[in-house]
């Protein structure tokens, strides 16, 4: 799942603190599961807009923006 920083009011297109996270799907019985942070980065709306999984479901892709710095 893609999550925005706590307190985000809208879906900004470029912000710091975006997280790509993963959790196990529940089996036949619902139970609490740990959510793993895979990456924290500068991103936002547009980071994952389409199906990003490989056909064998072993890899996925996402966009990380590089913030512009003042010169």
PDB file of N, CA and C in Angstrom:
ATOM      1  N   UNK A   1       0.844  -1.172   0.000  1.00  0.00           N
ATOM      2  CA  UNK A   1       0.000   0.000   0.000  1.00  0.00           C
ATOM      3  C   UNK A   1       0.883   1.226   0.000  1.00  0.00           C
ATOM      4  N   UNK A   2       0.379   2.310  -0.504  1.00  0.00           N
ATOM      5  CA  UNK A   2       1.060   3.594  -0.502  1.00  0.00           C
ATOM      6  C   UNK A   2       0.391   4.455   0.554  1.00  0.00           C
ATOM      7  N   UNK A   3       1.171   5.062   1.445  1.00  0.00           N
ATOM      8  CA  UNK A   3       0.554   5.892   2.463  1.00  0.00           C
ATOM      9  C   UNK A   3       1.170   7.287   2.475  1.00  0.00           C
ATOM     10  N   UNK A   4       0.314   8.259   2.695  1.00  0.00           N
ATOM     11  CA  UNK A   4       0.714   9.655   2.793  1.00  0.00           C
ATOM     12  C   UNK A   4       1.074   9.960   4.242  1.00  0.00           C
ATOM     13  N   UNK A   5       1.891  10.991   4.481  1.00  0.00           N
ATOM     14  CA  UNK A   5       2.240  11.354   5.859  1.00  0.00           C
ATOM     15  C   UNK A   5       0.991  11.693   6.679  1.00  0.00           C
ATOM     16  N   UNK A   6       1.059  11.427   7.985  1.00  0.00           N
ATOM     17  CA  UNK A   6      -0.046  11.715   8.886  1.00  0.00           C
ATOM     18  C   UNK A   6      -0.421  13.194   8.781  1.00  0.00           C
ATOM     19  N   UNK A   7      -1.722  13.478   8.709  1.00  0.00           N
ATOM     20  CA  UNK A   7      -2.202  14.855   8.637  1.00  0.00           C
ATOM     21  C   UNK A   7      -2.333  15.395   7.230  1.00  0.00           C
ATOM     22  N   UNK A   8      -2.028  14.600   6.207  1.00  0.00           N
ATOM     23  CA  UNK A   8      -2.153  15.057   4.822  1.00  0.00           C
ATOM     24  C   UNK A   8      -3.629  15.295   4.509  1.00  0.00           C
ATOM     25  N   UNK A   9      -3.950  16.509   4.050  1.00  0.00           N
ATOM     26  CA  UNK A   9      -5.346  16.870   3.788  1.00  0.00           C
ATOM     27  C   UNK A   9      -5.807  16.451   2.394  1.00  0.00           C
ATOM     28  N   UNK A  10      -4.929  16.460   1.419  1.00  0.00           N
ATOM     29  CA  UNK A  10      -5.289  16.100   0.048  1.00  0.00           C
ATOM     30  C   UNK A  10      -4.259  15.128  -0.505  1.00  0.00           C
ATOM     31  N   UNK A  11      -4.304  14.925  -1.789  1.00  0.00           N
ATOM     32  CA  UNK A  11      -3.347  14.035  -2.434  1.00  0.00           C
ATOM     33  C   UNK A  11      -2.373  14.858  -3.250  1.00  0.00           C
ATOM     34  N   UNK A  12      -1.401  15.428  -2.559  1.00  0.00           N
ATOM     35  CA  UNK A  12      -0.371  16.234  -3.199  1.00  0.00           C
ATOM     36  C   UNK A  12       0.398  15.360  -4.182  1.00  0.00           C
ATOM     37  N   UNK A  13       0.948  15.968  -5.223  1.00  0.00           N
ATOM     38  CA  UNK A  13       1.674  15.166  -6.208  1.00  0.00           C
ATOM     39  C   UNK A  13       3.144  14.985  -5.860  1.00  0.00           C
ATOM     40  N   UNK A  14       3.700  15.849  -5.014  1.00  0.00           N
ATOM     41  CA  UNK A  14       5.109  15.714  -4.641  1.00  0.00           C
ATOM     42  C   UNK A  14       5.292  16.149  -3.192  1.00  0.00           C
ATOM     43  N   UNK A  15       5.523  15.192  -2.300  1.00  0.00           N
ATOM     44  CA  UNK A  15       5.708  15.515  -0.885  1.00  0.00           C
ATOM     45  C   UNK A  15       6.695  14.544  -0.237  1.00  0.00           C
ATOM     46  N   UNK A  16       7.335  15.007   0.817  1.00  0.00           N
ATOM     47  CA  UNK A  16       8.278  14.179   1.549  1.00  0.00           C
ATOM     48  C   UNK A  16       7.523  13.292   2.538  1.00  0.00           C
ATOM     49  N   UNK A  17       8.062  12.118   2.818  1.00  0.00           N
ATOM     50  CA  UNK A  17       7.471  11.241   3.822  1.00  0.00           C
ATOM     51  C   UNK A  17       6.493  10.214   3.297  1.00  0.00           C
ATOM     52  N   UNK A  18       6.423  10.032   1.986  1.00  0.00           N
ATOM     53  CA  UNK A  18       5.568   8.979   1.428  1.00  0.00           C
ATOM     54  C   UNK A  18       6.141   7.632   1.833  1.00  0.00           C
ATOM     55  N   UNK A  19       5.279   6.643   2.054  1.00  0.00           N
ATOM     56  CA  UNK A  19       5.756   5.310   2.419  1.00  0.00           C
ATOM     57  C   UNK A  19       5.108   4.254   1.548  1.00  0.00           C
ATOM     58  N   UNK A  20       5.933   3.348   1.068  1.00  0.00           N
ATOM     59  CA  UNK A  20       5.452   2.156   0.395  1.00  0.00           C
ATOM     60  C   UNK A  20       5.519   1.063   1.447  1.00  0.00           C
ATOM     61  N   UNK A  21       4.361   0.484   1.783  1.00  0.00           N
ATOM     62  CA  UNK A  21       4.280  -0.484   2.873  1.00  0.00           C
ATOM     63  C   UNK A  21       3.633  -1.777   2.398  1.00  0.00           C
ATOM     64  N   UNK A  22       3.875  -2.835   3.134  1.00  0.00           N
ATOM     65  CA  UNK A  22       3.347  -4.148   2.752  1.00  0.00           C
ATOM     66  C   UNK A  22       2.847  -4.867   4.000  1.00  0.00           C
ATOM     67  N   UNK A  23       1.775  -5.616   3.841  1.00  0.00           N
ATOM     68  CA  UNK A  23       1.273  -6.458   4.920  1.00  0.00           C
ATOM     69  C   UNK A  23       0.756  -7.762   4.322  1.00  0.00           C
ATOM     70  N   UNK A  24       0.833  -8.794   5.101  1.00  0.00           N
ATOM     71  CA  UNK A  24       0.318 -10.097   4.648  1.00  0.00           C
ATOM     72  C   UNK A  24      -1.196 -10.041   4.535  1.00  0.00           C
ATOM     73  N   UNK A  25      -1.718 -10.712   3.541  1.00  0.00           N
ATOM     74  CA  UNK A  25      -3.165 -10.829   3.414  1.00  0.00           C
ATOM     75  C   UNK A  25      -3.641 -11.838   4.458  1.00  0.00           C
ATOM     76  N   UNK A  26      -4.804 -11.586   5.064  1.00  0.00           N
ATOM     77  CA  UNK A  26      -5.289 -12.549   6.058  1.00  0.00           C
ATOM     78  C   UNK A  26      -5.644 -13.870   5.381  1.00  0.00           C
ATOM     79  N   UNK A  27      -5.528 -14.930   6.107  1.00  0.00           N
ATOM     80  CA  UNK A  27      -5.922 -16.240   5.583  1.00  0.00           C
ATOM     81  C   UNK A  27      -7.413 -16.424   5.794  1.00  0.00           C
ATOM     82  N   UNK A  28      -7.797 -17.597   6.179  1.00  0.00           N
ATOM     83  CA  UNK A  28      -9.211 -17.877   6.414  1.00  0.00           C
ATOM     84  C   UNK A  28      -9.716 -17.208   7.681  1.00  0.00           C
ATOM     85  N   UNK A  29      -8.803 -16.949   8.632  1.00  0.00           N
ATOM     86  CA  UNK A  29      -9.181 -16.279   9.875  1.00  0.00           C
ATOM     87  C   UNK A  29      -8.514 -14.914   9.925  1.00  0.00           C
ATOM     88  N   UNK A  30      -9.289 -13.885  10.239  1.00  0.00           N
ATOM     89  CA  UNK A  30      -8.725 -12.553  10.368  1.00  0.00           C
ATOM     90  C   UNK A  30      -7.879 -12.480  11.628  1.00  0.00           C
ATOM     91  N   UNK A  31      -6.698 -11.894  11.502  1.00  0.00           N
ATOM     92  CA  UNK A  31      -5.849 -11.706  12.661  1.00  0.00           C
ATOM     93  C   UNK A  31      -4.962 -10.485  12.418  1.00  0.00           C
ATOM     94  N   UNK A  32      -4.456  -9.929  13.497  1.00  0.00           N
ATOM     95  CA  UNK A  32      -3.589  -8.765  13.404  1.00  0.00           C
ATOM     96  C   UNK A  32      -2.293  -9.150  12.702  1.00  0.00           C
ATOM     97  N   UNK A  33      -1.778  -8.248  11.891  1.00  0.00           N
ATOM     98  CA  UNK A  33      -0.536  -8.510  11.178  1.00  0.00           C
ATOM     99  C   UNK A  33       0.335  -7.262  11.187  1.00  0.00           C
ATOM    100  N   UNK A  34       1.623  -7.447  11.134  1.00  0.00           N
ATOM    101  CA  UNK A  34       2.568  -6.336  11.148  1.00  0.00           C
ATOM    102  C   UNK A  34       2.644  -5.716   9.750  1.00  0.00           C
ATOM    103  N   UNK A  35       2.679  -4.388   9.700  1.00  0.00           N
ATOM    104  CA  UNK A  35       2.833  -3.677   8.435  1.00  0.00           C
ATOM    105  C   UNK A  35       4.308  -3.310   8.298  1.00  0.00           C
ATOM    106  N   UNK A  36       4.909  -3.720   7.202  1.00  0.00           N
ATOM    107  CA  UNK A  36       6.332  -3.504   6.957  1.00  0.00           C
ATOM    108  C   UNK A  36       6.522  -2.286   6.050  1.00  0.00           C
ATOM    109  N   UNK A  37       7.426  -1.364   6.417  1.00  0.00           N
ATOM    110  CA  UNK A  37       7.756  -0.214   5.571  1.00  0.00           C
ATOM    111  C   UNK A  37       8.857  -0.654   4.612  1.00  0.00           C
ATOM    112  N   UNK A  38       8.560  -0.638   3.303  1.00  0.00           N
ATOM    113  CA  UNK A  38       9.539  -1.032   2.300  1.00  0.00           C
ATOM    114  C   UNK A  38      10.427   0.138   1.892  1.00  0.00           C
ATOM    115  N   UNK A  39       9.843   1.342   1.849  1.00  0.00           N
ATOM    116  CA  UNK A  39      10.597   2.518   1.427  1.00  0.00           C
ATOM    117  C   UNK A  39       9.884   3.781   1.889  1.00  0.00           C
ATOM    118  N   UNK A  40      10.645   4.779   2.300  1.00  0.00           N
ATOM    119  CA  UNK A  40      10.127   6.113   2.604  1.00  0.00           C
ATOM    120  C   UNK A  40      10.795   7.050   1.615  1.00  0.00           C
ATOM    121  N   UNK A  41      10.007   7.888   0.930  1.00  0.00           N
ATOM    122  CA  UNK A  41      10.576   8.668  -0.165  1.00  0.00           C
ATOM    123  C   UNK A  41       9.793   9.942  -0.438  1.00  0.00           C
ATOM    124  N   UNK A  42      10.281  10.738  -1.368  1.00  0.00           N
ATOM    125  CA  UNK A  42       9.635  11.948  -1.861  1.00  0.00           C
ATOM    126  C   UNK A  42       8.779  11.524  -3.042  1.00  0.00           C
ATOM    127  N   UNK A  43       7.463  11.653  -2.938  1.00  0.00           N
ATOM    128  CA  UNK A  43       6.566  11.219  -4.005  1.00  0.00           C
ATOM    129  C   UNK A  43       5.181  11.774  -3.775  1.00  0.00           C
ATOM    130  N   UNK A  44       4.171  11.038  -4.190  1.00  0.00           N
ATOM    131  CA  UNK A  44       2.807  11.489  -3.986  1.00  0.00           C
ATOM    132  C   UNK A  44       1.874  10.942  -5.036  1.00  0.00           C
ATOM    133  N   UNK A  45       0.830  11.710  -5.328  1.00  0.00           N
ATOM    134  CA  UNK A  45      -0.138  11.307  -6.345  1.00  0.00           C
ATOM    135  C   UNK A  45       0.614  11.053  -7.641  1.00  0.00           C
ATOM    136  N   UNK A  46       0.467   9.895  -8.218  1.00  0.00           N
ATOM    137  CA  UNK A  46       1.181   9.530  -9.437  1.00  0.00           C
ATOM    138  C   UNK A  46       2.290   8.527  -9.177  1.00  0.00           C
ATOM    139  N   UNK A  47       2.615   8.283  -7.909  1.00  0.00           N
ATOM    140  CA  UNK A  47       3.664   7.321  -7.580  1.00  0.00           C
ATOM    141  C   UNK A  47       3.262   5.914  -8.017  1.00  0.00           C
ATOM    142  N   UNK A  48       2.022   5.560  -7.763  1.00  0.00           N
ATOM    143  CA  UNK A  48       1.489   4.264  -8.221  1.00  0.00           C
ATOM    144  C   UNK A  48       0.088   4.525  -8.768  1.00  0.00           C
ATOM    145  N   UNK A  49      -0.014   4.734 -10.056  1.00  0.00           N
ATOM    146  CA  UNK A  49      -1.314   5.011 -10.679  1.00  0.00           C
ATOM    147  C   UNK A  49      -1.829   3.856 -11.523  1.00  0.00           C
ATOM    148  N   UNK A  50      -0.973   2.910 -11.824  1.00  0.00           N
ATOM    149  CA  UNK A  50      -1.356   1.790 -12.682  1.00  0.00           C
ATOM    150  C   UNK A  50      -0.907   0.492 -12.026  1.00  0.00           C
ATOM    151  N   UNK A  51      -1.312  -0.612 -12.596  1.00  0.00           N
ATOM    152  CA  UNK A  51      -0.874  -1.911 -12.104  1.00  0.00           C
ATOM    153  C   UNK A  51       0.649  -1.965 -12.171  1.00  0.00           C
ATOM    154  N   UNK A  52       1.294  -2.097 -11.026  1.00  0.00           N
ATOM    155  CA  UNK A  52       2.753  -2.004 -10.959  1.00  0.00           C
ATOM    156  C   UNK A  52       3.438  -3.346 -10.707  1.00  0.00           C
ATOM    157  N   UNK A  53       2.678  -4.422 -10.678  1.00  0.00           N
ATOM    158  CA  UNK A  53       3.257  -5.739 -10.397  1.00  0.00           C
ATOM    159  C   UNK A  53       3.694  -6.438 -11.670  1.00  0.00           C
ATOM    160  N   UNK A  54       4.800  -7.188 -11.578  1.00  0.00           N
ATOM    161  CA  UNK A  54       5.237  -8.004 -12.706  1.00  0.00           C
ATOM    162  C   UNK A  54       4.254  -9.173 -12.853  1.00  0.00           C
ATOM    163  N   UNK A  55       4.207  -9.789 -14.035  1.00  0.00           N
ATOM    164  CA  UNK A  55       3.272 -10.900 -14.244  1.00  0.00           C
ATOM    165  C   UNK A  55       3.430 -12.042 -13.238  1.00  0.00           C
ATOM    166  N   UNK A  56       4.652 -12.284 -12.737  1.00  0.00           N
ATOM    167  CA  UNK A  56       4.838 -13.364 -11.768  1.00  0.00           C
ATOM    168  C   UNK A  56       4.670 -12.890 -10.323  1.00  0.00           C
ATOM    169  N   UNK A  57       4.314 -11.621 -10.108  1.00  0.00           N
ATOM    170  CA  UNK A  57       4.066 -11.018  -8.790  1.00  0.00           C
ATOM    171  C   UNK A  57       5.295 -11.000  -7.874  1.00  0.00           C
ATOM    172  N   UNK A  58       6.474 -11.106  -8.444  1.00  0.00           N
ATOM    173  CA  UNK A  58       7.688 -11.095  -7.627  1.00  0.00           C
ATOM    174  C   UNK A  58       8.364  -9.734  -7.590  1.00  0.00           C
ATOM    175  N   UNK A  59       7.987  -8.824  -8.475  1.00  0.00           N
ATOM    176  CA  UNK A  59       8.589  -7.498  -8.533  1.00  0.00           C
ATOM    177  C   UNK A  59       7.499  -6.462  -8.745  1.00  0.00           C
ATOM    178  N   UNK A  60       7.777  -5.222  -8.332  1.00  0.00           N
ATOM    179  CA  UNK A  60       6.845  -4.130  -8.584  1.00  0.00           C
ATOM    180  C   UNK A  60       7.647  -2.860  -8.837  1.00  0.00           C
ATOM    181  N   UNK A  61       6.986  -1.882  -9.401  1.00  0.00           N
ATOM    182  CA  UNK A  61       7.635  -0.616  -9.748  1.00  0.00           C
ATOM    183  C   UNK A  61       6.849   0.545  -9.155  1.00  0.00           C
ATOM    184  N   UNK A  62       7.558   1.616  -8.818  1.00  0.00           N
ATOM    185  CA  UNK A  62       6.916   2.842  -8.341  1.00  0.00           C
ATOM    186  C   UNK A  62       7.820   4.019  -8.681  1.00  0.00           C
ATOM    187  N   UNK A  63       7.263   5.217  -8.669  1.00  0.00           N
ATOM    188  CA  UNK A  63       7.993   6.425  -9.031  1.00  0.00           C
ATOM    189  C   UNK A  63       8.416   7.165  -7.772  1.00  0.00           C
ATOM    190  N   UNK A  64       9.682   7.574  -7.711  1.00  0.00           N
ATOM    191  CA  UNK A  64      10.189   8.418  -6.645  1.00  0.00           C
ATOM    192  C   UNK A  64      10.661   9.704  -7.305  1.00  0.00           C
ATOM    193  N   UNK A  65      10.125  10.829  -6.848  1.00  0.00           N
ATOM    194  CA  UNK A  65      10.527  12.117  -7.400  1.00  0.00           C
ATOM    195  C   UNK A  65      11.798  12.617  -6.717  1.00  0.00           C
ATOM    196  N   UNK A  66      12.646  13.299  -7.459  1.00  0.00           N
ATOM    197  CA  UNK A  66      13.825  13.952  -6.877  1.00  0.00           C
ATOM    198  C   UNK A  66      13.477  15.423  -6.696  1.00  0.00           C
ATOM    199  N   UNK A  67      13.427  15.903  -5.451  1.00  0.00           N
ATOM    200  CA  UNK A  67      13.065  17.318  -5.256  1.00  0.00           C
ATOM    201  C   UNK A  67      14.116  18.243  -5.880  1.00  0.00           C
ATOM    202  N   UNK A  68      13.649  19.325  -6.481  1.00  0.00           N
ATOM    203  CA  UNK A  68      14.546  20.311  -7.068  1.00  0.00           C
ATOM    204  C   UNK A  68      15.174  21.135  -5.955  1.00  0.00           C
ATOM    205  N   UNK A  69      16.429  21.450  -6.109  1.00  0.00           N
ATOM    206  CA  UNK A  69      17.105  22.288  -5.126  1.00  0.00           C
ATOM    207  C   UNK A  69      17.378  23.655  -5.737  1.00  0.00           C
ATOM    208  N   UNK A  70      17.318  24.697  -4.924  1.00  0.00           N
ATOM    209  CA  UNK A  70      17.586  26.059  -5.407  1.00  0.00           C
ATOM    210  C   UNK A  70      19.055  26.205  -5.714  1.00  0.00           C
ATOM    211  N   UNK A  71      19.340  26.909  -6.780  1.00  0.00           N
ATOM    212  CA  UNK A  71      20.748  27.130  -7.155  1.00  0.00           C
ATOM    213  C   UNK A  71      21.127  28.551  -6.934  1.00  0.00           C
TER     214      UNK A  71
END
